[in-house]
């Protein structure tokens, strides 16, 4: 015999799974439709690797 609380938990779990499936379908559709094209992607110019103080501290604690 199930209590009302157990039935509510099962319903909530089912609703979560349904919404997860719908969200995955929407995300797949958005990706398939080409929401972001290659021409829209901007490259970030960087100065390259810099060994700053916090990086040096990390290396010391990680023993690199």
N, C-alpha and C. Protein backbone atom coordinates (compact mmCIF):
# COMPACT_ATOMS: atom_id res chain seq x y z
N UNK A 1 0.84 -1.16 0.00
CA UNK A 1 0.00 0.00 0.00
C UNK A 1 0.89 1.24 0.00
N UNK A 2 0.67 2.14 -0.93
CA UNK A 2 1.48 3.34 -1.06
C UNK A 2 0.81 4.51 -0.35
N UNK A 3 1.65 5.34 0.22
CA UNK A 3 1.13 6.54 0.86
C UNK A 3 1.04 7.65 -0.18
N UNK A 4 0.37 8.73 0.18
CA UNK A 4 0.24 9.86 -0.74
C UNK A 4 1.60 10.48 -1.03
N UNK A 5 2.47 10.46 -0.03
CA UNK A 5 3.81 11.03 -0.21
C UNK A 5 4.61 10.22 -1.23
N UNK A 6 4.53 8.90 -1.18
CA UNK A 6 5.24 8.05 -2.14
C UNK A 6 4.69 8.26 -3.54
N UNK A 7 3.38 8.39 -3.66
CA UNK A 7 2.78 8.63 -4.97
C UNK A 7 3.19 9.99 -5.52
N UNK A 8 3.29 11.00 -4.67
CA UNK A 8 3.72 12.33 -5.10
C UNK A 8 5.17 12.30 -5.56
N UNK A 9 6.02 11.54 -4.86
CA UNK A 9 7.42 11.43 -5.26
C UNK A 9 7.54 10.77 -6.63
N UNK A 10 6.76 9.73 -6.86
CA UNK A 10 6.81 9.04 -8.15
C UNK A 10 6.32 9.96 -9.27
N UNK A 11 5.28 10.73 -8.99
CA UNK A 11 4.75 11.66 -10.00
C UNK A 11 5.79 12.73 -10.30
N UNK A 12 6.43 13.26 -9.27
CA UNK A 12 7.45 14.29 -9.47
C UNK A 12 8.61 13.74 -10.29
N UNK A 13 9.00 12.51 -10.02
CA UNK A 13 10.09 11.88 -10.75
C UNK A 13 9.73 11.71 -12.23
N UNK A 14 8.50 11.29 -12.48
CA UNK A 14 8.05 11.11 -13.87
C UNK A 14 8.01 12.45 -14.60
N UNK A 15 7.51 13.48 -13.92
CA UNK A 15 7.46 14.80 -14.53
C UNK A 15 8.85 15.30 -14.86
N UNK A 16 9.80 15.05 -13.97
CA UNK A 16 11.18 15.45 -14.23
C UNK A 16 11.73 14.76 -15.47
N UNK A 17 11.49 13.47 -15.57
CA UNK A 17 11.99 12.72 -16.73
C UNK A 17 11.34 13.18 -18.02
N UNK A 18 10.06 13.49 -17.97
CA UNK A 18 9.37 14.00 -19.16
C UNK A 18 9.97 15.33 -19.59
N UNK A 19 10.18 16.22 -18.63
CA UNK A 19 10.73 17.54 -18.95
C UNK A 19 12.17 17.42 -19.44
N UNK A 20 12.92 16.47 -18.92
CA UNK A 20 14.29 16.25 -19.39
C UNK A 20 14.30 15.80 -20.84
N UNK A 21 13.38 14.92 -21.18
CA UNK A 21 13.29 14.44 -22.55
C UNK A 21 12.89 15.57 -23.49
N UNK A 22 11.96 16.40 -23.06
CA UNK A 22 11.53 17.52 -23.89
C UNK A 22 12.68 18.51 -24.06
N UNK A 23 13.41 18.78 -22.98
CA UNK A 23 14.54 19.70 -23.06
C UNK A 23 15.62 19.20 -23.99
N UNK A 24 15.88 17.90 -23.97
CA UNK A 24 16.89 17.33 -24.86
C UNK A 24 16.44 17.45 -26.31
N UNK A 25 15.17 17.24 -26.55
CA UNK A 25 14.65 17.35 -27.92
C UNK A 25 14.76 18.79 -28.42
N UNK A 26 14.44 19.74 -27.57
CA UNK A 26 14.53 21.15 -27.96
C UNK A 26 15.98 21.54 -28.22
N UNK A 27 16.89 21.09 -27.37
CA UNK A 27 18.30 21.39 -27.57
C UNK A 27 18.82 20.78 -28.86
N UNK A 28 18.41 19.56 -29.15
CA UNK A 28 18.82 18.91 -30.39
C UNK A 28 18.29 19.64 -31.61
N UNK A 29 17.08 20.12 -31.53
CA UNK A 29 16.49 20.87 -32.64
C UNK A 29 17.24 22.18 -32.84
N UNK A 30 17.57 22.85 -31.76
CA UNK A 30 18.29 24.11 -31.87
C UNK A 30 19.67 23.90 -32.49
N UNK A 31 20.32 22.82 -32.13
CA UNK A 31 21.64 22.55 -32.69
C UNK A 31 21.54 22.17 -34.16
N UNK A 32 20.52 21.41 -34.52
CA UNK A 32 20.36 20.96 -35.89
C UNK A 32 19.98 22.12 -36.81
N UNK A 33 19.32 23.12 -36.26
CA UNK A 33 18.88 24.23 -37.10
C UNK A 33 20.01 25.21 -37.37
N UNK A 34 21.16 24.99 -36.78
CA UNK A 34 22.31 25.87 -37.03
C UNK A 34 22.17 27.19 -36.31
N UNK A 35 21.85 27.16 -35.03
CA UNK A 35 21.62 28.37 -34.26
C UNK A 35 22.85 29.28 -34.28
N UNK A 36 24.02 28.73 -34.27
CA UNK A 36 25.24 29.54 -34.33
C UNK A 36 26.07 29.07 -35.52
N UNK A 37 26.23 29.93 -36.47
CA UNK A 37 27.01 29.56 -37.64
C UNK A 37 28.48 29.89 -37.40
N UNK A 38 29.33 29.35 -38.21
CA UNK A 38 30.77 29.54 -38.03
C UNK A 38 31.17 30.99 -38.23
N UNK A 39 30.44 31.74 -39.04
CA UNK A 39 30.80 33.13 -39.26
C UNK A 39 30.49 34.00 -38.05
N UNK A 40 29.59 33.54 -37.19
CA UNK A 40 29.24 34.31 -36.01
C UNK A 40 30.22 34.13 -34.87
N UNK A 41 31.02 33.08 -34.92
CA UNK A 41 31.95 32.80 -33.83
C UNK A 41 33.15 33.74 -33.95
N UNK A 42 33.45 34.42 -32.86
CA UNK A 42 34.56 35.35 -32.86
C UNK A 42 35.75 34.70 -32.17
N UNK A 43 36.91 34.93 -32.72
CA UNK A 43 38.11 34.39 -32.09
C UNK A 43 38.62 35.40 -31.07
N UNK A 44 39.14 34.89 -29.99
CA UNK A 44 39.67 35.73 -28.93
C UNK A 44 41.17 35.79 -29.11
N UNK A 45 41.68 36.99 -29.23
CA UNK A 45 43.13 37.12 -29.34
C UNK A 45 43.72 37.09 -27.94
N UNK A 46 44.70 36.23 -27.77
CA UNK A 46 45.33 36.14 -26.46
C UNK A 46 46.82 36.36 -26.61
N UNK A 47 47.42 36.68 -25.52
CA UNK A 47 48.85 36.93 -25.52
C UNK A 47 49.64 35.67 -25.27
N UNK A 48 48.95 34.57 -25.13
CA UNK A 48 49.64 33.31 -24.88
C UNK A 48 49.68 32.98 -23.41
N UNK A 49 50.44 31.99 -23.09
CA UNK A 49 50.54 31.51 -21.72
C UNK A 49 51.36 32.47 -20.89
N UNK A 50 50.83 32.81 -19.73
CA UNK A 50 51.57 33.66 -18.80
C UNK A 50 51.62 32.97 -17.45
N UNK A 51 52.78 32.87 -16.89
CA UNK A 51 52.94 32.23 -15.59
C UNK A 51 52.87 33.32 -14.52
N UNK A 52 51.66 33.52 -14.00
CA UNK A 52 51.44 34.54 -12.99
C UNK A 52 51.65 33.95 -11.60
N UNK A 53 51.49 34.79 -10.58
CA UNK A 53 51.74 34.35 -9.21
C UNK A 53 50.79 33.24 -8.79
N UNK A 54 49.51 33.35 -9.16
CA UNK A 54 48.59 32.29 -8.74
C UNK A 54 48.87 30.98 -9.48
N UNK A 55 49.41 31.05 -10.68
CA UNK A 55 49.78 29.84 -11.40
C UNK A 55 51.01 29.22 -10.74
N UNK A 56 51.96 30.05 -10.37
CA UNK A 56 53.15 29.53 -9.69
C UNK A 56 52.78 28.88 -8.36
N UNK A 57 51.84 29.49 -7.64
CA UNK A 57 51.38 28.92 -6.37
C UNK A 57 50.72 27.58 -6.61
N UNK A 58 49.94 27.48 -7.65
CA UNK A 58 49.29 26.20 -7.98
C UNK A 58 50.34 25.14 -8.28
N UNK A 59 51.33 25.49 -9.08
CA UNK A 59 52.39 24.53 -9.42
C UNK A 59 53.12 24.06 -8.17
N UNK A 60 53.36 24.96 -7.24
CA UNK A 60 54.04 24.59 -6.01
C UNK A 60 53.21 23.64 -5.17
N UNK A 61 51.92 23.92 -5.07
CA UNK A 61 51.06 23.06 -4.25
C UNK A 61 50.75 21.74 -4.95
N UNK A 62 50.74 21.73 -6.28
CA UNK A 62 50.47 20.51 -7.02
C UNK A 62 51.74 19.72 -7.30
N UNK A 63 52.89 20.32 -7.00
CA UNK A 63 54.20 19.69 -7.20
C UNK A 63 54.48 19.36 -8.65
N UNK A 64 54.27 20.33 -9.53
CA UNK A 64 54.61 20.17 -10.94
C UNK A 64 56.01 20.63 -11.17
